[in-house]
Amino acid sequence: MLELIIDICQAAKIKYCISSLLSVLAELEPQPRYLEDTVEERVVGGEVARPNSWPWQISLQYKSGSSFYHTCGGTLIRRGWVMTAAHCVDRSRTWRVVLGDHNINSHEGREQYMSVSRVYLHPNWNSNNVAGGWDIALLRLSSDATLNNYVQLGALPPSGQVLPHNNPCYISGWGRTQTGGQLSAQLKQAYLPVVDHKTCSSYGWWGSTVKNSMVCAGGGSESGCQGDSGGPLNCSVGGKWVVHGVTSFVSSSGCNAYRKPTVFTRVSAYIIFTSWRLSPLIGFINRIAVNIICFF
């Protein structure tokens, strides 16, 4: 079905629509099961996450010699699709995705290992200018994930949704525990409330570096760091966890520089909700609504 929708998108000549659309019929994919804990039940500040408490979090790994090594995070958004940062995968390597992982240095029996069959970079991505935006990519997995208590789908926001200042969010990842430090073996999380665009783009903060297609979070003692890139910004919206950001960059002054919040690609800037009339192409479907990530 996904391949068919891709063909339809291409036939319709949607401007700059990525060839691999993150689009599925809602009834063909199970909806993510939201966690029962609330924001208040998660300890504020950087800490080791409860195992598999962010079950859409993946470890993106590259092959060197006969081994694989963690380099970035990502979000499982459909059984066979992962969303990550373009800067994580803009070079030719052998990639794999690990689902259901907690300690990346040990095998715990809950992991699912998937090779990546294709990488789709945003067509406007410029590897020489991370701050230019468009830092988003889609990975097609070689096989579909099995959803269970340890592996689930991340929920995506509606098109254009912008969260208010101080909306509670968490970053998660295996990134460095401090500037210049080592990667964390265990999945960590840190409380990073949203910093609204007006504040984040003001003088003394990020200024004009931050674009409308980005979202800032944090700015205090906690932040993302190298190795967290591509991973989710998990935000509490309406009592559910929604992936509002893809970890993109931090300040060159350090991972937790004052008034330099972690900057994320704002997922809602790339999602369009549209309706297709497919009856000429699929006799038994008259009309479907699909979520499509298109790139403008």
C-alpha atoms as a PDB file:
ATOM      1  CA  MET A   1       0.000   0.000   0.000  1.00  0.00           C
ATOM      2  CA  LEU A   2       2.791   2.448   0.876  1.00  0.00           C
ATOM      3  CA  GLU A   3       4.484   1.870  -2.471  1.00  0.00           C
ATOM      4  CA  LEU A   4       1.191   2.523  -4.233  1.00  0.00           C
ATOM      5  CA  ILE A   5       0.732   5.822  -2.409  1.00  0.00           C
ATOM      6  CA  ILE A   6       4.294   6.776  -3.354  1.00  0.00           C
ATOM      7  CA  ASP A   7       3.429   6.150  -7.008  1.00  0.00           C
ATOM      8  CA  ILE A   8       0.270   8.233  -6.655  1.00  0.00           C
ATOM      9  CA  CYS A   9       2.205  11.107  -5.110  1.00  0.00           C
ATOM     10  CA  GLN A  10       4.710  11.029  -7.935  1.00  0.00           C
ATOM     11  CA  ALA A  11       1.964  10.846 -10.550  1.00  0.00           C
ATOM     12  CA  ALA A  12       0.245  13.844  -8.981  1.00  0.00           C
ATOM     13  CA  LYS A  13       3.533  15.759  -9.271  1.00  0.00           C
ATOM     14  CA  ILE A  14       3.416  17.195  -5.766  1.00  0.00           C
ATOM     15  CA  LYS A  15       6.221  19.717  -5.666  1.00  0.00           C
ATOM     16  CA  TYR A  16       9.264  18.427  -3.775  1.00  0.00           C
ATOM     17  CA  CYS A  17       7.299  15.580  -2.264  1.00  0.00           C
ATOM     18  CA  ILE A  18       9.794  12.990  -1.105  1.00  0.00           C
ATOM     19  CA  SER A  19       9.622   9.765  -3.095  1.00  0.00           C
ATOM     20  CA  SER A  20       9.160   7.699   0.027  1.00  0.00           C
ATOM     21  CA  LEU A  21       6.076   9.203   1.676  1.00  0.00           C
ATOM     22  CA  LEU A  22       5.420   8.452   5.287  1.00  0.00           C
ATOM     23  CA  SER A  23       1.833   7.705   4.488  1.00  0.00           C
ATOM     24  CA  VAL A  24      -0.372   4.832   5.467  1.00  0.00           C
ATOM     25  CA  LEU A  25      -4.029   4.198   5.993  1.00  0.00           C
ATOM     26  CA  ALA A  26      -4.761   4.495   9.686  1.00  0.00           C
ATOM     27  CA  GLU A  27      -6.579   1.182   9.696  1.00  0.00           C
ATOM     28  CA  LEU A  28      -3.621  -0.624   8.165  1.00  0.00           C
ATOM     29  CA  GLU A  29      -1.242   0.279  10.976  1.00  0.00           C
ATOM     30  CA  PRO A  30      -1.859  -0.100  14.701  1.00  0.00           C
ATOM     31  CA  GLN A  31      -1.883   3.130  16.621  1.00  0.00           C
ATOM     32  CA  PRO A  32       0.849   3.645  19.215  1.00  0.00           C
ATOM     33  CA  ARG A  33       0.000   2.596  22.734  1.00  0.00           C
ATOM     34  CA  TYR A  34       0.741   5.558  24.952  1.00  0.00           C
ATOM     35  CA  LEU A  35       2.597   5.031  28.172  1.00  0.00           C
ATOM     36  CA  GLU A  36       0.644   5.136  31.396  1.00  0.00           C
ATOM     37  CA  ASP A  37       3.044   7.354  33.314  1.00  0.00           C
ATOM     38  CA  THR A  38       2.569  11.115  33.330  1.00  0.00           C
ATOM     39  CA  VAL A  39       5.094  13.895  32.895  1.00  0.00           C
ATOM     40  CA  GLU A  40       5.196  14.408  36.656  1.00  0.00           C
ATOM     41  CA  GLU A  41       6.217  10.790  37.187  1.00  0.00           C
ATOM     42  CA  ARG A  42       9.388  11.241  35.183  1.00  0.00           C
ATOM     43  CA  VAL A  43      12.254  12.731  37.183  1.00  0.00           C
ATOM     44  CA  VAL A  44      13.238  16.173  35.901  1.00  0.00           C
ATOM     45  CA  GLY A  45      16.876  16.270  34.829  1.00  0.00           C
ATOM     46  CA  GLY A  46      19.269  13.984  32.978  1.00  0.00           C
ATOM     47  CA  GLU A  47      19.068  10.381  34.104  1.00  0.00           C
ATOM     48  CA  VAL A  48      18.998   6.818  32.883  1.00  0.00           C
ATOM     49  CA  ALA A  49      15.580   6.134  31.401  1.00  0.00           C
ATOM     50  CA  ARG A  50      13.434   3.277  32.581  1.00  0.00           C
ATOM     51  CA  PRO A  51      14.143   0.410  30.122  1.00  0.00           C
ATOM     52  CA  ASN A  52      11.926   0.628  27.035  1.00  0.00           C
ATOM     53  CA  SER A  53       9.948   3.573  28.410  1.00  0.00           C
ATOM     54  CA  TRP A  54      10.459   5.315  25.057  1.00  0.00           C
ATOM     55  CA  PRO A  55       9.655   2.284  22.886  1.00  0.00           C
ATOM     56  CA  TRP A  56       9.822   4.192  19.579  1.00  0.00           C
ATOM     57  CA  GLN A  57      13.445   5.201  20.242  1.00  0.00           C
ATOM     58  CA  ILE A  58      15.909   3.427  17.957  1.00  0.00           C
ATOM     59  CA  SER A  59      19.689   3.204  17.822  1.00  0.00           C
ATOM     60  CA  LEU A  60      21.115   3.952  14.382  1.00  0.00           C
ATOM     61  CA  GLN A  61      24.389   2.129  13.888  1.00  0.00           C
ATOM     62  CA  TYR A  62      27.035   1.979  11.167  1.00  0.00           C
ATOM     63  CA  LYS A  63      29.256  -0.930  10.225  1.00  0.00           C
ATOM     64  CA  SER A  64      33.017  -0.710  10.634  1.00  0.00           C
ATOM     65  CA  GLY A  65      34.934  -3.896  10.041  1.00  0.00           C
ATOM     66  CA  SER A  66      32.795  -6.703  11.379  1.00  0.00           C
ATOM     67  CA  SER A  67      31.066  -4.650  14.080  1.00  0.00           C
ATOM     68  CA  PHE A  68      28.316  -2.044  14.325  1.00  0.00           C
ATOM     69  CA  TYR A  69      28.610   1.178  16.324  1.00  0.00           C
ATOM     70  CA  HIS A  70      25.985   3.616  17.585  1.00  0.00           C
ATOM     71  CA  THR A  71      26.051   7.022  15.933  1.00  0.00           C
ATOM     72  CA  CYS A  72      22.554   8.541  16.137  1.00  0.00           C
ATOM     73  CA  GLY A  73      19.042   8.064  17.385  1.00  0.00           C
ATOM     74  CA  GLY A  74      15.771   7.960  15.513  1.00  0.00           C
ATOM     75  CA  THR A  75      12.057   7.290  15.819  1.00  0.00           C
ATOM     76  CA  LEU A  76      10.086   4.300  14.591  1.00  0.00           C
ATOM     77  CA  ILE A  77       7.036   5.901  12.971  1.00  0.00           C
ATOM     78  CA  ARG A  78       5.728   2.940  10.978  1.00  0.00           C
ATOM     79  CA  ARG A  79       6.614  -0.730  11.133  1.00  0.00           C
ATOM     80  CA  GLY A  80       9.073  -0.372   8.290  1.00  0.00           C
ATOM     81  CA  TRP A  81      10.034   3.293   8.549  1.00  0.00           C
ATOM     82  CA  VAL A  82      12.313   5.336  10.786  1.00  0.00           C
ATOM     83  CA  MET A  83      12.633   9.109  10.998  1.00  0.00           C
ATOM     84  CA  THR A  84      16.035  10.578  11.824  1.00  0.00           C
ATOM     85  CA  ALA A  85      18.251  13.578  11.057  1.00  0.00           C
ATOM     86  CA  ALA A  86      19.677  14.046   7.578  1.00  0.00           C
ATOM     87  CA  HIS A  87      23.129  14.820   8.954  1.00  0.00           C
ATOM     88  CA  CYS A  88      23.227  11.346  10.488  1.00  0.00           C
ATOM     89  CA  VAL A  89      22.896   9.496   7.185  1.00  0.00           C
ATOM     90  CA  ASP A  90      24.225  11.803   4.464  1.00  0.00           C
ATOM     91  CA  ARG A  91      27.234   9.614   3.787  1.00  0.00           C
ATOM     92  CA  SER A  92      27.367   6.185   2.219  1.00  0.00           C
ATOM     93  CA  ARG A  93      27.653   3.498   4.874  1.00  0.00           C
ATOM     94  CA  THR A  94      26.152   0.178   5.847  1.00  0.00           C
ATOM     95  CA  TRP A  95      23.465   1.040   8.361  1.00  0.00           C
ATOM     96  CA  ARG A  96      21.344  -0.913  10.743  1.00  0.00           C
ATOM     97  CA  VAL A  97      18.598   0.041  13.180  1.00  0.00           C
ATOM     98  CA  VAL A  98      18.206  -1.543  16.605  1.00  0.00           C
ATOM     99  CA  LEU A  99      14.718  -1.478  18.112  1.00  0.00           C
ATOM    100  CA  GLY A 100      13.796  -2.226  21.710  1.00  0.00           C
ATOM    101  CA  ASP A 101      17.303  -1.510  22.960  1.00  0.00           C
ATOM    102  CA  HIS A 102      18.298  -0.069  26.330  1.00  0.00           C
ATOM    103  CA  ASN A 103      21.961  -0.928  26.908  1.00  0.00           C
ATOM    104  CA  ILE A 104      23.713  -0.668  23.564  1.00  0.00           C
ATOM    105  CA  ASN A 105      26.740  -2.545  24.903  1.00  0.00           C
ATOM    106  CA  SER A 106      24.864  -5.707  25.773  1.00  0.00           C
ATOM    107  CA  HIS A 107      22.214  -7.988  24.306  1.00  0.00           C
ATOM    108  CA  GLU A 108      19.140  -8.092  26.530  1.00  0.00           C
ATOM    109  CA  GLY A 109      16.856 -10.271  24.431  1.00  0.00           C
ATOM    110  CA  ARG A 110      14.344  -7.559  23.556  1.00  0.00           C
ATOM    111  CA  GLU A 111      16.176  -6.073  20.604  1.00  0.00           C
ATOM    112  CA  GLN A 112      15.159  -6.280  16.975  1.00  0.00           C
ATOM    113  CA  TYR A 113      17.943  -5.752  14.437  1.00  0.00           C
ATOM    114  CA  MET A 114      16.946  -4.338  11.056  1.00  0.00           C
ATOM    115  CA  SER A 115      19.106  -3.460   8.099  1.00  0.00           C
ATOM    116  CA  VAL A 116      18.325  -0.264   6.197  1.00  0.00           C
ATOM    117  CA  SER A 117      17.316  -0.884   2.599  1.00  0.00           C
ATOM    118  CA  ARG A 118      17.145   2.756   1.528  1.00  0.00           C
ATOM    119  CA  VAL A 119      17.878   6.240   2.840  1.00  0.00           C
ATOM    120  CA  TYR A 120      15.774   9.240   1.806  1.00  0.00           C
ATOM    121  CA  LEU A 121      17.356  12.611   2.554  1.00  0.00           C
ATOM    122  CA  HIS A 122      15.375  15.810   2.365  1.00  0.00           C
ATOM    123  CA  PRO A 123      16.146  17.183  -1.114  1.00  0.00           C
ATOM    124  CA  ASN A 124      17.012  20.619   0.301  1.00  0.00           C
ATOM    125  CA  TRP A 125      19.445  19.281   2.875  1.00  0.00           C
ATOM    126  CA  ASN A 126      22.925  20.830   2.712  1.00  0.00           C
ATOM    127  CA  SER A 127      25.538  18.917   4.683  1.00  0.00           C
ATOM    128  CA  ASN A 128      27.721  22.028   4.800  1.00  0.00           C
ATOM    129  CA  ASN A 129      25.043  24.029   6.592  1.00  0.00           C
ATOM    130  CA  VAL A 130      23.295  22.146   9.381  1.00  0.00           C
ATOM    131  CA  ALA A 131      21.765  25.378  10.670  1.00  0.00           C
ATOM    132  CA  GLY A 132      20.174  25.935   7.263  1.00  0.00           C
ATOM    133  CA  GLY A 133      17.401  23.530   8.168  1.00  0.00           C
ATOM    134  CA  TRP A 134      15.886  20.553   6.331  1.00  0.00           C
ATOM    135  CA  ASP A 135      17.693  18.225   8.729  1.00  0.00           C
ATOM    136  CA  ILE A 136      15.341  15.285   8.363  1.00  0.00           C
ATOM    137  CA  ALA A 137      15.558  11.897   6.673  1.00  0.00           C
ATOM    138  CA  LEU A 138      13.543   8.717   6.327  1.00  0.00           C
ATOM    139  CA  LEU A 139      14.930   5.203   6.506  1.00  0.00           C
ATOM    140  CA  ARG A 140      13.211   2.275   4.841  1.00  0.00           C
ATOM    141  CA  LEU A 141      13.850  -0.876   6.834  1.00  0.00           C
ATOM    142  CA  SER A 142      14.497  -4.190   5.127  1.00  0.00           C
ATOM    143  CA  SER A 143      11.617  -5.762   7.066  1.00  0.00           C
ATOM    144  CA  ASP A 144       8.777  -4.633   9.285  1.00  0.00           C
ATOM    145  CA  ALA A 145       9.199  -4.341  13.033  1.00  0.00           C
ATOM    146  CA  THR A 146       7.201  -6.496  15.407  1.00  0.00           C
ATOM    147  CA  LEU A 147       5.283  -4.266  17.794  1.00  0.00           C
ATOM    148  CA  ASN A 148       5.184  -5.365  21.430  1.00  0.00           C
ATOM    149  CA  ASN A 149       5.700  -3.949  24.927  1.00  0.00           C
ATOM    150  CA  TYR A 150       9.250  -2.908  24.013  1.00  0.00           C
ATOM    151  CA  VAL A 151       8.807  -1.670  20.448  1.00  0.00           C
ATOM    152  CA  GLN A 152       6.038   0.753  19.521  1.00  0.00           C
ATOM    153  CA  LEU A 153       5.321   3.520  17.040  1.00  0.00           C
ATOM    154  CA  GLY A 154       6.003   7.136  17.852  1.00  0.00           C
ATOM    155  CA  ALA A 155       3.015   9.444  17.446  1.00  0.00           C
ATOM    156  CA  LEU A 156       3.493  12.395  15.104  1.00  0.00           C
ATOM    157  CA  PRO A 157       1.895  15.832  15.570  1.00  0.00           C
ATOM    158  CA  PRO A 158      -0.697  17.378  13.276  1.00  0.00           C
ATOM    159  CA  SER A 159       0.548  19.591  10.482  1.00  0.00           C
ATOM    160  CA  GLY A 160       1.738  23.002  11.600  1.00  0.00           C
ATOM    161  CA  GLN A 161       1.282  22.459  15.327  1.00  0.00           C
ATOM    162  CA  VAL A 162       3.587  24.688  17.395  1.00  0.00           C
ATOM    163  CA  LEU A 163       3.892  24.004  21.100  1.00  0.00           C
ATOM    164  CA  PRO A 164       3.713  26.838  23.643  1.00  0.00           C
ATOM    165  CA  HIS A 165       6.610  28.100  25.717  1.00  0.00           C
ATOM    166  CA  ASN A 166       7.569  25.703  28.529  1.00  0.00           C
ATOM    167  CA  ASN A 167       5.540  22.806  27.140  1.00  0.00           C
ATOM    168  CA  PRO A 168       7.029  19.748  28.890  1.00  0.00           C
ATOM    169  CA  CYS A 169       9.229  17.579  26.687  1.00  0.00           C
ATOM    170  CA  TYR A 170      11.972  14.997  27.086  1.00  0.00           C
ATOM    171  CA  ILE A 171      14.939  14.280  24.900  1.00  0.00           C
ATOM    172  CA  SER A 172      16.123  10.683  24.877  1.00  0.00           C
ATOM    173  CA  GLY A 173      19.268   9.079  23.525  1.00  0.00           C
ATOM    174  CA  TRP A 174      22.620   7.418  24.054  1.00  0.00           C
ATOM    175  CA  GLY A 175      24.579  10.613  23.428  1.00  0.00           C
ATOM    176  CA  ARG A 176      27.612  11.867  25.294  1.00  0.00           C
ATOM    177  CA  THR A 177      26.961  12.545  28.953  1.00  0.00           C
ATOM    178  CA  GLN A 178      29.024  15.736  28.780  1.00  0.00           C
ATOM    179  CA  THR A 179      30.855  17.792  26.185  1.00  0.00           C
ATOM    180  CA  GLY A 180      33.763  15.682  24.965  1.00  0.00           C
ATOM    181  CA  GLY A 181      32.669  12.738  27.098  1.00  0.00           C
ATOM    182  CA  GLN A 182      31.801   9.156  26.260  1.00  0.00           C
ATOM    183  CA  LEU A 183      28.575   7.811  24.826  1.00  0.00           C
ATOM    184  CA  SER A 184      26.129   6.519  27.392  1.00  0.00           C
ATOM    185  CA  ALA A 185      25.719   2.739  27.353  1.00  0.00           C
ATOM    186  CA  GLN A 186      22.168   3.024  28.692  1.00  0.00           C
ATOM    187  CA  LEU A 187      19.385   5.089  27.205  1.00  0.00           C
ATOM    188  CA  LYS A 188      19.145   8.426  28.985  1.00  0.00           C
ATOM    189  CA  GLN A 189      16.478  11.085  29.144  1.00  0.00           C
ATOM    190  CA  ALA A 190      16.475  14.752  30.091  1.00  0.00           C
ATOM    191  CA  TYR A 191      13.648  17.171  30.735  1.00  0.00           C
ATOM    192  CA  LEU A 192      13.771  19.948  28.127  1.00  0.00           C
ATOM    193  CA  PRO A 193      10.796  22.326  28.151  1.00  0.00           C
ATOM    194  CA  VAL A 194      10.034  24.099  24.890  1.00  0.00           C
ATOM    195  CA  VAL A 195      11.554  27.533  24.333  1.00  0.00           C
ATOM    196  CA  ASP A 196       9.229  29.439  22.014  1.00  0.00           C
ATOM    197  CA  HIS A 197      10.539  30.735  18.707  1.00  0.00           C
ATOM    198  CA  LYS A 198      10.338  34.394  19.734  1.00  0.00           C
ATOM    199  CA  THR A 199      12.623  33.763  22.703  1.00  0.00           C
ATOM    200  CA  CYS A 200      14.948  31.305  20.995  1.00  0.00           C
ATOM    201  CA  SER A 201      15.501  33.558  17.981  1.00  0.00           C
ATOM    202  CA  SER A 202      16.124  36.673  20.071  1.00  0.00           C
ATOM    203  CA  TYR A 203      19.457  38.405  20.638  1.00  0.00           C
ATOM    204  CA  GLY A 204      21.610  36.615  23.188  1.00  0.00           C
ATOM    205  CA  TRP A 205      19.943  33.293  22.381  1.00  0.00           C
ATOM    206  CA  TRP A 206      20.226  31.682  18.939  1.00  0.00           C
ATOM    207  CA  GLY A 207      19.217  34.768  16.971  1.00  0.00           C
ATOM    208  CA  SER A 208      18.577  34.288  13.256  1.00  0.00           C
ATOM    209  CA  THR A 209      20.253  30.865  13.294  1.00  0.00           C
ATOM    210  CA  VAL A 210      16.950  29.340  14.382  1.00  0.00           C
ATOM    211  CA  LYS A 211      14.345  29.014  11.630  1.00  0.00           C
ATOM    212  CA  ASN A 212      10.574  28.660  11.861  1.00  0.00           C
ATOM    213  CA  SER A 213      10.922  25.016  10.841  1.00  0.00           C
ATOM    214  CA  MET A 214      12.870  24.312  14.038  1.00  0.00           C
ATOM    215  CA  VAL A 215      11.918  23.967  17.687  1.00  0.00           C
ATOM    216  CA  CYS A 216      14.122  24.816  20.655  1.00  0.00           C
ATOM    217  CA  ALA A 217      14.026  23.062  24.007  1.00  0.00           C
ATOM    218  CA  GLY A 218      16.070  23.347  27.182  1.00  0.00           C
ATOM    219  CA  GLY A 219      18.723  25.996  27.535  1.00  0.00           C
ATOM    220  CA  GLY A 220      19.731  25.172  31.097  1.00  0.00           C
ATOM    221  CA  SER A 221      21.977  22.477  32.504  1.00  0.00           C
ATOM    222  CA  GLU A 222      20.412  19.672  30.458  1.00  0.00           C
ATOM    223  CA  SER A 223      20.613  19.283  26.699  1.00  0.00           C
ATOM    224  CA  GLY A 224      21.294  16.950  23.846  1.00  0.00           C
ATOM    225  CA  CYS A 225      24.837  16.069  22.845  1.00  0.00           C
ATOM    226  CA  GLN A 226      26.727  14.156  20.164  1.00  0.00           C
ATOM    227  CA  GLY A 227      25.142  10.732  19.728  1.00  0.00           C
ATOM    228  CA  ASP A 228      21.652  12.041  20.504  1.00  0.00           C
ATOM    229  CA  SER A 229      21.260  13.459  16.989  1.00  0.00           C
ATOM    230  CA  GLY A 230      18.282  12.189  15.033  1.00  0.00           C
ATOM    231  CA  GLY A 231      16.478  11.051  18.155  1.00  0.00           C
ATOM    232  CA  PRO A 232      13.062  12.215  19.303  1.00  0.00           C
ATOM    233  CA  LEU A 233      11.911  15.201  21.298  1.00  0.00           C
ATOM    234  CA  ASN A 234       9.063  13.552  23.194  1.00  0.00           C
ATOM    235  CA  CYS A 235       6.444  16.097  24.237  1.00  0.00           C
ATOM    236  CA  SER A 236       3.386  15.781  26.414  1.00  0.00           C
ATOM    237  CA  VAL A 237       0.335  16.907  24.441  1.00  0.00           C
ATOM    238  CA  GLY A 238      -3.175  16.136  25.611  1.00  0.00           C
ATOM    239  CA  GLY A 239      -1.974  13.427  27.961  1.00  0.00           C
ATOM    240  CA  LYS A 240      -0.030  11.616  25.236  1.00  0.00           C
ATOM    241  CA  TRP A 241       3.593  11.523  24.189  1.00  0.00           C
ATOM    242  CA  VAL A 242       4.071  12.991  20.729  1.00  0.00           C
ATOM    243  CA  VAL A 243       7.365  13.230  18.815  1.00  0.00           C
ATOM    244  CA  HIS A 244       7.606  16.939  18.011  1.00  0.00           C
ATOM    245  CA  GLY A 245      11.283  17.164  17.172  1.00  0.00           C
ATOM    246  CA  VAL A 246      14.253  15.446  15.550  1.00  0.00           C
ATOM    247  CA  THR A 247      17.464  16.305  17.413  1.00  0.00           C
ATOM    248  CA  SER A 248      19.548  18.478  15.099  1.00  0.00           C
ATOM    249  CA  PHE A 249      22.285  20.603  16.687  1.00  0.00           C
ATOM    250  CA  VAL A 250      23.710  22.235  19.798  1.00  0.00           C
ATOM    251  CA  SER A 251      26.078  25.147  20.324  1.00  0.00           C
ATOM    252  CA  SER A 252      29.718  24.857  19.295  1.00  0.00           C
ATOM    253  CA  SER A 253      30.469  26.246  22.760  1.00  0.00           C
ATOM    254  CA  GLY A 254      29.274  23.013  24.319  1.00  0.00           C
ATOM    255  CA  CYS A 255      26.285  20.768  24.703  1.00  0.00           C
ATOM    256  CA  ASN A 256      24.721  22.759  27.549  1.00  0.00           C
ATOM    257  CA  ALA A 257      25.759  26.337  26.751  1.00  0.00           C
ATOM    258  CA  TYR A 258      23.727  29.034  28.502  1.00  0.00           C
ATOM    259  CA  ARG A 259      20.805  30.348  26.427  1.00  0.00           C
ATOM    260  CA  LYS A 260      21.668  27.956  23.632  1.00  0.00           C
ATOM    261  CA  PRO A 261      18.877  25.381  23.823  1.00  0.00           C
ATOM    262  CA  THR A 262      19.102  22.153  21.881  1.00  0.00           C
ATOM    263  CA  VAL A 263      17.662  22.747  18.408  1.00  0.00           C
ATOM    264  CA  PHE A 264      15.381  20.212  16.770  1.00  0.00           C
ATOM    265  CA  THR A 265      13.827  19.865  13.352  1.00  0.00           C
ATOM    266  CA  ARG A 266      10.153  20.646  13.973  1.00  0.00           C
ATOM    267  CA  VAL A 267       8.301  17.574  12.723  1.00  0.00           C
ATOM    268  CA  SER A 268       4.973  19.372  12.269  1.00  0.00           C
ATOM    269  CA  ALA A 269       6.601  21.692   9.717  1.00  0.00           C
ATOM    270  CA  TYR A 270       6.939  18.727   7.350  1.00  0.00           C
ATOM    271  CA  ILE A 271       3.592  17.025   7.720  1.00  0.00           C
ATOM    272  CA  ILE A 272       0.606  17.640   5.507  1.00  0.00           C
ATOM    273  CA  PHE A 273      -2.768  16.089   6.063  1.00  0.00           C
ATOM    274  CA  THR A 274      -4.477  15.623   2.748  1.00  0.00           C
ATOM    275  CA  SER A 275      -7.197  13.602   1.129  1.00  0.00           C
ATOM    276  CA  TRP A 276      -6.779  11.648  -2.073  1.00  0.00           C
ATOM    277  CA  ARG A 277      -9.411  10.406  -4.432  1.00  0.00           C
ATOM    278  CA  LEU A 278      -8.089   7.014  -5.427  1.00  0.00           C
ATOM    279  CA  SER A 279     -11.092   5.390  -7.077  1.00  0.00           C
ATOM    280  CA  PRO A 280      -9.550   5.560 -10.580  1.00  0.00           C
ATOM    281  CA  LEU A 281      -6.574   3.608  -9.253  1.00  0.00           C
ATOM    282  CA  ILE A 282      -8.045   1.352  -6.591  1.00  0.00           C
ATOM    283  CA  GLY A 283     -11.504   0.104  -7.337  1.00  0.00           C
ATOM    284  CA  PHE A 284     -12.352  -0.856  -3.787  1.00  0.00           C
ATOM    285  CA  ILE A 285     -11.158   2.401  -2.205  1.00  0.00           C
ATOM    286  CA  ASN A 286     -13.140   5.538  -3.015  1.00  0.00           C
ATOM    287  CA  ARG A 287     -11.434   7.952  -0.693  1.00  0.00           C
ATOM    288  CA  ILE A 288      -8.697   7.698   1.895  1.00  0.00           C
ATOM    289  CA  ALA A 289      -7.017  10.168   4.183  1.00  0.00           C
ATOM    290  CA  VAL A 290      -3.308   9.722   4.618  1.00  0.00           C
ATOM    291  CA  ASN A 291      -0.586  11.440   6.602  1.00  0.00           C
ATOM    292  CA  ILE A 292       2.154  12.477   4.230  1.00  0.00           C
ATOM    293  CA  ILE A 293       5.474  14.008   5.014  1.00  0.00           C
ATOM    294  CA  CYS A 294       6.208  16.282   2.070  1.00  0.00           C
ATOM    295  CA  PHE A 295       9.058  18.667   1.740  1.00  0.00           C
ATOM    296  CA  PHE A 296       8.706  22.225   0.509  1.00  0.00           C
END
